[in-house]
């Protein structure tokens, strides 16, 4: 069987074969895990140009340098970190045996075992990273894997599938491509763990399908990641960093800022500074190879529909830069939507494109209250130099991760968990936490040679005072 699967029937057969191979192999040594990870690293090194070209074509305009930075180097960071830290993660962890067996020679430890086969469903906005970054943790944990790339980026999926087919035994790693039906069928399979990156709505469906086989899931979803700008923040520098973050991948990132809360008296200064910074990054829109296009017409129409509704409601919209673009051009200026109604689409839906909501406030406590009324976001950002306010915001909010005085940065931490909470997801990958996520932590207890329970009167037939002895232990 090839590593490039052509049907769900082939996938089902492969999972059975991988299960057999897992059971036959037994313990997966560090050298095997490291070799699997290294093979993915070598694939990225060999195929980086073809993959970057494919991503540019799939987006209809995405700078190859950004694809190399975001997807190739991003995935390489995860893979190399896992490769280089395996020795720290693999050993059994000794645990204290319970009394009195600890005094009699009893031993205990936790053994981290591979779960088996991990299924990974990637998304289009980071079509390599969302597959290969979690794969680093899955391989580090000793698992086999099957990848399902996004059908929205078919050229990238094809290049990746053929590269894996040329380098991997399908019993270790395989790929299946296809549309929604294949994705749904993929989630229906009896994997030993399933990873999905994408929207919250689809994440709920993935979880329902996985539940039929009691498959544990890692869901990296999204949400309306908020930014809280404190009054102690440098407005110019804050605007510059947010312009950089919002321009990244054309705003098509799961942790892209959606809602920016700014003190009411600094609203106009922020708009001016943000537009100046954004225009410096992207002085023109049409044909600008530095600006990532909206991935397809359907997604563009969704974003423009949100903006049109806000415009019809009389909401102020500031365009950066304020230029027209032809209909056939999927690059657009960034639109700042100022104080839209709470029930508008732009306030309810994750934007995932070149738009930003700006909300002015008087009291930061009201901002935190509003954030907490919504779903838990994948990311939260705080700008300011008031350490007490910073800590208060951290203590009174819950999000997948946080970056302070910048945006997006926490997701680049390979030695720290990345994931969501509530509607923004569950579970983690990256680093030791990713290794643990894809491992089964098995407790092992080794009993001492001498068993004193009979002498202590703890075995049947129970003596008349047995109940009193048990009660005495309760009330100690």
Protein backbone atom coordinates (compact mmCIF):
# COMPACT_ATOMS: atom_id res chain seq x y z
CA UNK A 1 0.00 0.00 0.00
CA UNK A 2 1.30 3.48 -0.88
CA UNK A 3 1.60 6.26 1.69
CA UNK A 4 -0.67 8.35 -0.56
CA UNK A 5 -4.15 6.95 0.08
CA UNK A 6 -6.85 7.21 -2.57
CA UNK A 7 -9.97 6.21 -0.63
CA UNK A 8 -11.54 5.84 2.81
CA UNK A 9 -11.51 2.07 2.27
CA UNK A 10 -7.73 2.20 1.92
CA UNK A 11 -7.58 4.35 5.06
CA UNK A 12 -9.61 1.83 7.04
CA UNK A 13 -7.35 -1.01 5.90
CA UNK A 14 -4.25 1.01 6.71
CA UNK A 15 -5.41 1.76 10.26
CA UNK A 16 -5.88 -1.97 10.86
CA UNK A 17 -2.40 -2.63 9.47
CA UNK A 18 -0.87 0.14 11.60
CA UNK A 19 -2.55 -1.32 14.68
CA UNK A 20 -0.98 -4.71 13.93
CA UNK A 21 2.42 -3.12 13.37
CA UNK A 22 2.16 -1.17 16.62
CA UNK A 23 1.31 -4.29 18.62
CA UNK A 24 4.09 -6.29 16.98
CA UNK A 25 6.74 -3.61 17.46
CA UNK A 26 6.34 -3.20 21.20
CA UNK A 27 8.45 -0.47 22.74
CA UNK A 28 9.35 2.29 20.28
CA UNK A 29 12.93 3.31 20.95
CA UNK A 30 14.29 6.84 20.87
CA UNK A 31 16.27 6.10 17.71
CA UNK A 32 13.11 5.11 15.81
CA UNK A 33 11.24 8.21 16.95
CA UNK A 34 14.15 10.45 16.10
CA UNK A 35 14.54 8.89 12.65
CA UNK A 36 10.86 9.46 11.83
CA UNK A 37 11.10 13.10 12.88
CA UNK A 38 14.33 13.56 10.92
CA UNK A 39 12.68 12.17 7.79
CA UNK A 40 10.02 14.91 7.98
CA UNK A 41 12.74 17.52 8.53
CA UNK A 42 14.61 16.22 5.46
CA UNK A 43 11.38 16.32 3.43
CA UNK A 44 10.86 20.00 4.26
CA UNK A 45 14.46 20.85 3.44
CA UNK A 46 14.27 19.04 0.10
CA UNK A 47 10.80 20.23 -0.93
CA UNK A 48 10.64 23.75 0.52
CA UNK A 49 10.67 25.52 -2.85
CA UNK A 50 7.96 23.33 -4.35
CA UNK A 51 5.83 23.71 -1.23
CA UNK A 52 6.20 27.51 -1.16
CA UNK A 53 5.29 27.71 -4.85
CA UNK A 54 2.22 25.56 -4.23
CA UNK A 55 1.08 27.73 -1.32
CA UNK A 56 1.44 30.89 -3.40
CA UNK A 57 -0.71 29.33 -6.13
CA UNK A 58 -3.33 28.05 -3.67
CA UNK A 59 -3.80 31.48 -2.12
CA UNK A 60 -3.76 33.28 -5.44
CA UNK A 61 -1.08 35.53 -3.96
CA UNK A 62 1.04 34.71 -0.92
CA UNK A 63 4.65 35.73 -0.65
CA UNK A 64 6.92 32.65 -0.88
CA UNK A 65 9.13 34.11 1.83
CA UNK A 66 6.19 34.25 4.21
CA UNK A 67 5.29 30.65 3.43
CA UNK A 68 8.86 29.61 4.13
CA UNK A 69 8.84 31.52 7.42
CA UNK A 70 5.37 30.60 8.63
CA UNK A 71 4.88 27.03 7.42
CA UNK A 72 8.27 25.54 6.60
CA UNK A 73 10.39 27.12 9.32
CA UNK A 74 7.47 27.03 11.76
CA UNK A 75 7.09 23.28 11.28
CA UNK A 76 10.85 22.77 11.35
CA UNK A 77 10.96 24.53 14.72
CA UNK A 78 8.48 22.05 16.21
CA UNK A 79 10.17 19.04 14.63
CA UNK A 80 13.69 20.00 15.67
CA UNK A 81 12.62 20.82 19.22
CA UNK A 82 10.97 17.40 19.55
CA UNK A 83 13.98 15.65 18.01
CA UNK A 84 16.43 17.40 20.31
CA UNK A 85 14.48 16.92 23.56
CA UNK A 86 13.36 13.32 23.25
CA UNK A 87 15.97 12.15 25.71
CA UNK A 88 14.44 14.36 28.42
CA UNK A 89 10.86 13.21 27.80
CA UNK A 90 11.15 9.45 27.36
CA UNK A 91 12.37 8.06 30.71
CA UNK A 92 9.85 6.54 33.13
CA UNK A 93 8.95 8.88 35.98
CA UNK A 94 9.39 7.36 39.46
CA UNK A 95 6.47 7.90 41.83
CA UNK A 96 6.25 7.26 45.56
CA UNK A 97 4.56 3.99 46.51
CA UNK A 98 1.79 4.34 49.09
CA UNK A 99 2.31 3.50 52.77
CA UNK A 100 3.18 1.04 54.14
CA UNK A 101 4.29 -0.60 50.88
CA UNK A 102 6.88 2.11 50.39
CA UNK A 103 8.57 0.82 53.55
CA UNK A 104 8.33 -2.80 52.41
CA UNK A 105 10.07 -2.33 49.07
CA UNK A 106 7.14 -1.45 46.83
CA UNK A 107 7.94 0.57 43.71
CA UNK A 108 5.89 2.70 41.31
CA UNK A 109 6.47 4.67 38.13
CA UNK A 110 4.66 6.26 35.21
CA UNK A 111 5.46 4.98 31.75
CA UNK A 112 4.65 7.13 28.71
CA UNK A 113 3.52 4.86 25.89
CA UNK A 114 2.52 5.57 22.28
CA UNK A 115 -1.25 5.65 21.85
CA UNK A 116 -1.02 4.04 18.41
CA UNK A 117 -2.12 5.96 15.32
CA UNK A 118 -2.79 9.71 15.39
CA UNK A 119 -5.00 11.27 12.71
CA UNK A 120 -4.23 14.93 11.96
CA UNK A 121 -6.62 17.18 10.01
CA UNK A 122 -4.92 20.40 8.91
CA UNK A 123 -6.36 23.70 7.79
CA UNK A 124 -5.79 25.92 4.77
CA UNK A 125 -4.46 29.07 6.41
CA UNK A 126 -1.25 27.31 7.56
CA UNK A 127 -1.44 24.19 5.40
CA UNK A 128 1.91 22.71 6.44
CA UNK A 129 2.27 23.98 9.98
CA UNK A 130 -1.10 22.69 11.19
CA UNK A 131 -0.18 19.20 9.98
CA UNK A 132 3.52 18.93 10.77
CA UNK A 133 3.74 20.81 14.07
CA UNK A 134 1.37 18.37 15.83
CA UNK A 135 3.06 15.51 13.93
CA UNK A 136 6.27 16.41 15.77
CA UNK A 137 4.58 15.62 19.09
CA UNK A 138 2.88 12.52 17.71
CA UNK A 139 6.16 11.09 16.38
CA UNK A 140 8.04 12.09 19.55
CA UNK A 141 5.50 10.07 21.52
CA UNK A 142 6.22 7.03 19.31
CA UNK A 143 2.98 7.01 17.32
CA UNK A 144 2.23 6.35 13.68
CA UNK A 145 0.14 8.94 11.83
CA UNK A 146 -2.16 9.73 8.93
CA UNK A 147 -2.53 13.29 7.63
CA UNK A 148 -5.60 14.90 6.04
CA UNK A 149 -4.59 18.22 4.39
CA UNK A 150 -7.17 20.90 3.64
CA UNK A 151 -8.95 20.64 0.30
CA UNK A 152 -8.92 24.46 0.07
CA UNK A 153 -5.16 24.34 -0.63
CA UNK A 154 -5.08 21.37 -3.05
CA UNK A 155 -1.72 22.09 -4.72
CA UNK A 156 0.07 22.17 -1.37
CA UNK A 157 -1.74 19.00 -0.32
CA UNK A 158 -0.67 17.24 -3.52
CA UNK A 159 3.01 18.21 -3.21
CA UNK A 160 3.06 17.11 0.44
CA UNK A 161 1.30 13.82 -0.29
CA UNK A 162 3.70 12.88 -3.08
CA UNK A 163 6.72 13.85 -0.97
CA UNK A 164 5.54 11.68 1.92
CA UNK A 165 4.71 8.83 -0.46
CA UNK A 166 8.30 8.91 -1.74
CA UNK A 167 9.88 8.84 1.72
CA UNK A 168 7.68 6.94 4.17
CA UNK A 169 6.39 3.47 4.71
CA UNK A 170 2.60 3.92 5.04
CA UNK A 171 2.76 1.89 8.24
CA UNK A 172 4.56 4.91 9.73
CA UNK A 173 3.02 7.92 7.93
CA UNK A 174 0.41 8.30 5.21
CA UNK A 175 -1.70 11.04 3.59
CA UNK A 176 -5.25 11.09 2.29
CA UNK A 177 -6.56 14.01 0.24
CA UNK A 178 -10.14 14.91 -0.57
CA UNK A 179 -13.07 17.17 0.16
CA UNK A 180 -15.59 17.50 2.96
CA UNK A 181 -16.82 13.91 2.63
CA UNK A 182 -13.30 12.58 3.04
CA UNK A 183 -12.73 14.83 6.05
CA UNK A 184 -15.92 13.58 7.68
CA UNK A 185 -15.05 9.97 6.89
CA UNK A 186 -11.57 10.56 8.29
CA UNK A 187 -13.04 11.73 11.61
CA UNK A 188 -15.27 8.63 11.68
CA UNK A 189 -12.27 6.30 11.79
CA UNK A 190 -11.10 4.54 15.00
CA UNK A 191 -7.88 6.48 15.46
CA UNK A 192 -6.14 6.35 18.82
CA UNK A 193 -6.05 10.16 18.88
CA UNK A 194 -7.42 12.80 16.51
CA UNK A 195 -6.14 16.34 15.93
CA UNK A 196 -8.21 18.98 14.17
CA UNK A 197 -7.39 22.60 13.38
CA UNK A 198 -10.20 24.77 12.04
CA UNK A 199 -13.44 26.47 12.92
CA UNK A 200 -15.39 25.93 16.12
CA UNK A 201 -18.46 24.78 14.18
CA UNK A 202 -16.54 22.06 12.34
CA UNK A 203 -14.68 21.22 15.55
CA UNK A 204 -17.99 20.32 17.21
CA UNK A 205 -18.80 17.96 14.33
CA UNK A 206 -15.33 16.39 14.49
CA UNK A 207 -15.77 15.79 18.22
CA UNK A 208 -19.18 14.18 17.71
CA UNK A 209 -17.75 11.82 15.10
CA UNK A 210 -14.72 10.94 17.23
CA UNK A 211 -17.01 10.22 20.19
CA UNK A 212 -18.60 7.30 18.33
CA UNK A 213 -15.26 5.45 18.65
CA UNK A 214 -14.26 7.07 21.98
CA UNK A 215 -11.31 8.70 20.23
CA UNK A 216 -9.61 11.42 22.30
CA UNK A 217 -9.29 14.72 20.44
CA UNK A 218 -7.05 17.75 20.32
CA UNK A 219 -8.99 20.68 18.86
CA UNK A 220 -7.21 23.88 17.88
CA UNK A 221 -10.09 26.16 16.95
CA UNK A 222 -10.43 29.93 16.90
CA UNK A 223 -12.61 32.71 18.19
CA UNK A 224 -12.56 36.47 18.42
CA UNK A 225 -9.19 37.03 20.06
CA UNK A 226 -9.36 40.35 21.92
CA UNK A 227 -6.75 43.06 22.50
CA UNK A 228 -6.89 45.18 25.65
CA UNK A 229 -4.96 48.44 25.30
CA UNK A 230 -4.35 49.98 28.70
CA UNK A 231 -3.98 53.70 29.25
CA UNK A 232 -0.31 53.14 30.07
CA UNK A 233 0.40 51.76 26.59
CA UNK A 234 2.48 53.58 23.99
CA UNK A 235 -0.24 54.09 21.37
CA UNK A 236 2.16 54.49 18.45
CA UNK A 237 4.13 51.34 19.23
CA UNK A 238 0.98 49.39 20.06
CA UNK A 239 -0.57 50.37 16.74
CA UNK A 240 2.60 49.39 14.89
CA UNK A 241 2.73 45.92 16.43
CA UNK A 242 -0.95 45.30 15.86
CA UNK A 243 -0.63 46.41 12.24
CA UNK A 244 2.15 43.86 11.79
CA UNK A 245 0.04 41.13 13.43
CA UNK A 246 -3.14 41.94 11.52
CA UNK A 247 -1.33 42.07 8.20
CA UNK A 248 0.24 38.66 8.79
CA UNK A 249 -1.22 36.19 6.27
CA UNK A 250 -3.87 38.78 5.40
CA UNK A 251 -5.45 38.36 8.83
CA UNK A 252 -6.06 34.67 8.11
CA UNK A 253 -4.57 33.28 11.32
CA UNK A 254 -6.46 31.58 14.14
CA UNK A 255 -4.88 33.88 16.74
CA UNK A 256 -5.19 37.05 14.66
CA UNK A 257 -6.57 39.98 16.72
CA UNK A 258 -10.28 40.47 16.05
CA UNK A 259 -11.42 42.96 18.70
CA UNK A 260 -9.28 45.88 19.86
CA UNK A 261 -10.39 47.72 23.01
CA UNK A 262 -8.88 51.20 23.24
CA UNK A 263 -9.51 53.98 25.79
CA UNK A 264 -12.14 56.31 24.37
CA UNK A 265 -9.90 59.35 24.53
CA UNK A 266 -7.17 57.54 22.51
CA UNK A 267 -9.40 56.12 19.80
CA UNK A 268 -8.58 58.63 17.06
CA UNK A 269 -4.86 58.58 17.87
CA UNK A 270 -4.87 54.79 17.58
CA UNK A 271 -6.69 54.83 14.23
CA UNK A 272 -4.23 57.37 12.83
CA UNK A 273 -1.19 55.49 14.11
CA UNK A 274 -2.51 52.09 12.98
CA UNK A 275 -3.29 53.29 9.45
CA UNK A 276 0.12 54.93 9.16
CA UNK A 277 1.88 51.73 10.27
CA UNK A 278 -0.24 49.50 8.03
CA UNK A 279 0.30 51.76 5.02
CA UNK A 280 4.06 51.65 5.65
CA UNK A 281 3.92 47.85 5.50
CA UNK A 282 1.54 47.73 2.53
CA UNK A 283 1.63 51.07 0.67
CA UNK A 284 -0.47 49.60 -2.14
CA UNK A 285 -2.95 46.76 -2.37
CA UNK A 286 -3.52 45.78 -5.99
CA UNK A 287 -0.80 43.41 -7.17
CA UNK A 288 1.19 43.79 -3.93
CA UNK A 289 3.07 40.51 -3.56
CA UNK A 290 3.76 41.25 0.11
CA UNK A 291 0.05 41.23 0.96
CA UNK A 292 -1.57 37.80 1.24
CA UNK A 293 -4.79 37.49 -0.72
CA UNK A 294 -8.00 36.17 0.78
CA UNK A 295 -7.75 32.47 0.02
CA UNK A 296 -10.81 32.17 -2.24
CA UNK A 297 -13.91 34.00 -3.44
CA UNK A 298 -16.22 32.39 -0.89
CA UNK A 299 -14.14 33.59 2.03
CA UNK A 300 -13.80 37.06 0.49
CA UNK A 301 -17.57 37.33 0.07
CA UNK A 302 -18.10 36.33 3.69
CA UNK A 303 -15.75 39.07 4.98
CA UNK A 304 -17.21 41.67 2.62
CA UNK A 305 -20.72 40.65 3.68
CA UNK A 306 -19.85 41.41 7.30
CA UNK A 307 -18.44 44.80 6.30
CA UNK A 308 -21.43 45.65 4.11
CA UNK A 309 -23.86 44.88 6.93
CA UNK A 310 -21.91 47.19 9.28
CA UNK A 311 -21.88 49.89 6.62
CA UNK A 312 -25.66 49.63 6.21
CA UNK A 313 -26.00 50.03 9.98
CA UNK A 314 -24.22 53.37 9.73
CA UNK A 315 -21.03 52.15 11.40
CA UNK A 316 -17.83 54.08 10.76
CA UNK A 317 -15.37 52.05 8.66
CA UNK A 318 -11.82 53.27 8.06
CA UNK A 319 -9.87 51.64 5.21
CA UNK A 320 -6.07 51.30 5.34
CA UNK A 321 -5.07 52.38 2.75
CA UNK A 322 -8.23 53.97 1.37
CA UNK A 323 -7.98 52.67 -2.19
CA UNK A 324 -10.30 50.78 -4.53
CA UNK A 325 -9.44 47.32 -5.82
CA UNK A 326 -10.83 45.49 -8.85
CA UNK A 327 -13.41 42.79 -8.21
CA UNK A 328 -11.15 40.06 -9.53
CA UNK A 329 -8.39 41.04 -7.07
CA UNK A 330 -8.73 39.13 -3.78
CA UNK A 331 -6.36 41.45 -1.97
CA UNK A 332 -8.18 44.14 0.00
CA UNK A 333 -7.31 47.11 2.20
CA UNK A 334 -7.67 46.47 5.91
CA UNK A 335 -10.98 47.81 7.24
CA UNK A 336 -11.27 49.13 10.79
CA UNK A 337 -14.87 48.83 11.96
CA UNK A 338 -15.44 51.32 14.77
CA UNK A 339 -17.91 50.46 17.56
CA UNK A 340 -20.31 48.23 15.61
CA UNK A 341 -23.50 46.94 17.30
CA UNK A 342 -22.97 43.88 19.46
CA UNK A 343 -25.34 41.74 17.37
CA UNK A 344 -23.75 42.60 14.02
CA UNK A 345 -22.07 39.80 12.09
CA UNK A 346 -18.63 41.40 12.42
CA UNK A 347 -19.04 41.16 16.22
CA UNK A 348 -20.37 37.60 16.19
CA UNK A 349 -18.24 35.82 13.58
CA UNK A 350 -14.52 35.21 13.57
CA UNK A 351 -13.23 37.62 10.91
CA UNK A 352 -10.33 35.63 9.44
CA UNK A 353 -9.51 38.31 6.90
CA UNK A 354 -8.50 41.95 6.35
CA UNK A 355 -10.78 43.60 8.92
CA UNK A 356 -10.54 44.67 12.54
CA UNK A 357 -13.12 45.77 15.10
CA UNK A 358 -12.20 48.78 17.24
CA UNK A 359 -14.16 49.26 20.47
CA UNK A 360 -13.64 52.27 22.72
CA UNK A 361 -14.01 51.96 26.50
CA UNK A 362 -13.91 54.00 29.69
CA UNK A 363 -13.17 51.34 32.33
CA UNK A 364 -10.99 48.28 31.80
CA UNK A 365 -13.20 46.30 34.19
CA UNK A 366 -16.06 46.68 31.70
CA UNK A 367 -13.81 45.38 28.91
CA UNK A 368 -12.94 42.26 30.88
CA UNK A 369 -16.60 41.74 31.74
CA UNK A 370 -17.51 41.93 28.04
CA UNK A 371 -14.72 39.52 27.06
CA UNK A 372 -15.89 37.06 29.71
CA UNK A 373 -19.47 37.20 28.44
CA UNK A 374 -18.32 35.69 25.15
CA UNK A 375 -16.70 32.36 24.29
CA UNK A 376 -13.19 31.73 25.61
CA UNK A 377 -10.75 33.05 22.97
CA UNK A 378 -7.75 31.20 21.58
CA UNK A 379 -5.55 34.22 22.29
CA UNK A 380 -5.70 37.37 24.41
CA UNK A 381 -3.43 40.38 24.08
CA UNK A 382 -2.64 43.10 26.61
CA UNK A 383 -0.71 46.29 25.86
CA UNK A 384 0.46 48.54 28.66
CA UNK A 385 3.10 49.14 31.31
CA UNK A 386 0.87 49.15 34.38
CA UNK A 387 1.93 45.88 36.03
CA UNK A 388 -1.01 45.85 38.43
CA UNK A 389 -3.54 46.28 35.61
CA UNK A 390 -1.71 43.68 33.51
CA UNK A 391 -1.94 41.14 36.33
CA UNK A 392 -5.59 42.00 36.95
CA UNK A 393 -6.43 41.31 33.30
CA UNK A 394 -4.52 38.01 33.41
CA UNK A 395 -6.21 36.97 36.67
CA UNK A 396 -9.73 37.79 35.49
CA UNK A 397 -9.71 36.30 31.97
CA UNK A 398 -9.32 32.82 30.51
CA UNK A 399 -7.87 32.19 27.06
CA UNK A 400 -5.81 29.62 25.23
CA UNK A 401 -2.67 31.78 25.43
CA UNK A 402 -1.52 35.35 26.00
CA UNK A 403 1.02 37.72 24.48
CA UNK A 404 1.80 40.94 26.33
CA UNK A 405 2.84 44.08 24.44
CA UNK A 406 2.76 42.25 21.10
CA UNK A 407 0.57 39.75 19.27
CA UNK A 408 0.89 36.19 17.90
CA UNK A 409 4.20 35.60 19.70
CA UNK A 410 3.14 33.04 22.32
CA UNK A 411 2.30 30.53 19.57
CA UNK A 412 5.97 30.46 18.53
CA UNK A 413 7.01 29.05 21.91
CA UNK A 414 8.12 25.49 21.18
CA UNK A 415 8.85 24.78 24.84
CA UNK A 416 5.36 25.74 25.99
CA UNK A 417 1.89 24.35 25.21
CA UNK A 418 -0.23 25.79 22.41
CA UNK A 419 -3.97 25.21 22.42
CA UNK A 420 -7.39 26.57 23.25
CA UNK A 421 -9.96 26.39 26.01
CA UNK A 422 -13.73 26.02 25.76
CA UNK A 423 -14.99 27.02 22.33
CA UNK A 424 -11.44 27.79 21.17
CA UNK A 425 -10.36 24.19 21.59
CA UNK A 426 -8.93 21.59 23.92
CA UNK A 427 -5.60 19.88 24.40
CA UNK A 428 -2.16 21.07 23.39
CA UNK A 429 0.73 20.50 21.10
CA UNK A 430 4.32 21.83 21.19
CA UNK A 431 7.07 20.74 23.52
CA UNK A 432 6.77 18.38 26.47
CA UNK A 433 3.03 19.03 26.69
CA UNK A 434 2.62 17.90 23.08
CA UNK A 435 4.59 14.73 23.83
CA UNK A 436 2.34 14.07 26.84
CA UNK A 437 -0.81 14.84 24.81
CA UNK A 438 -0.05 12.06 22.35
CA UNK A 439 1.18 9.58 24.97
CA UNK A 440 -0.71 7.24 27.26
CA UNK A 441 0.55 7.79 30.81
CA UNK A 442 0.46 4.31 32.31
CA UNK A 443 0.93 3.78 36.05
CA UNK A 444 2.99 0.75 37.01
CA UNK A 445 3.10 -0.60 40.59
CA UNK A 446 5.56 -3.33 41.55
CA UNK A 447 4.57 -5.05 44.78
CA UNK A 448 7.11 -6.11 47.41
CA UNK A 449 7.80 -9.81 47.99
CA UNK A 450 6.33 -9.71 51.49
CA UNK A 451 2.53 -9.26 51.82
CA UNK A 452 1.50 -8.41 55.42
CA UNK A 453 -2.24 -7.97 54.90
CA UNK A 454 -3.20 -11.30 56.46
CA UNK A 455 -1.15 -10.60 59.59
CA UNK A 456 -2.75 -7.15 59.85
CA UNK A 457 -6.25 -8.61 59.82
CA UNK A 458 -7.17 -6.94 56.53
CA UNK A 459 -8.31 -10.12 54.74
CA UNK A 460 -11.42 -12.25 55.08
CA UNK A 461 -12.64 -13.75 57.30
CA UNK A 462 -12.71 -10.35 59.00
CA UNK A 463 -12.18 -10.29 62.76
CA UNK A 464 -14.80 -8.65 65.07
CA UNK A 465 -12.81 -5.45 65.48
CA UNK A 466 -12.21 -4.87 61.73
CA UNK A 467 -14.86 -2.15 61.40
CA UNK A 468 -13.49 -0.26 64.41
CA UNK A 469 -9.98 -0.40 62.97
CA UNK A 470 -11.25 1.03 59.63
CA UNK A 471 -13.17 3.77 61.42
CA UNK A 472 -10.10 4.70 63.41
CA UNK A 473 -8.26 5.30 60.12
CA UNK A 474 -11.07 7.60 58.91
CA UNK A 475 -11.02 9.80 61.98
CA UNK A 476 -7.23 10.07 62.35
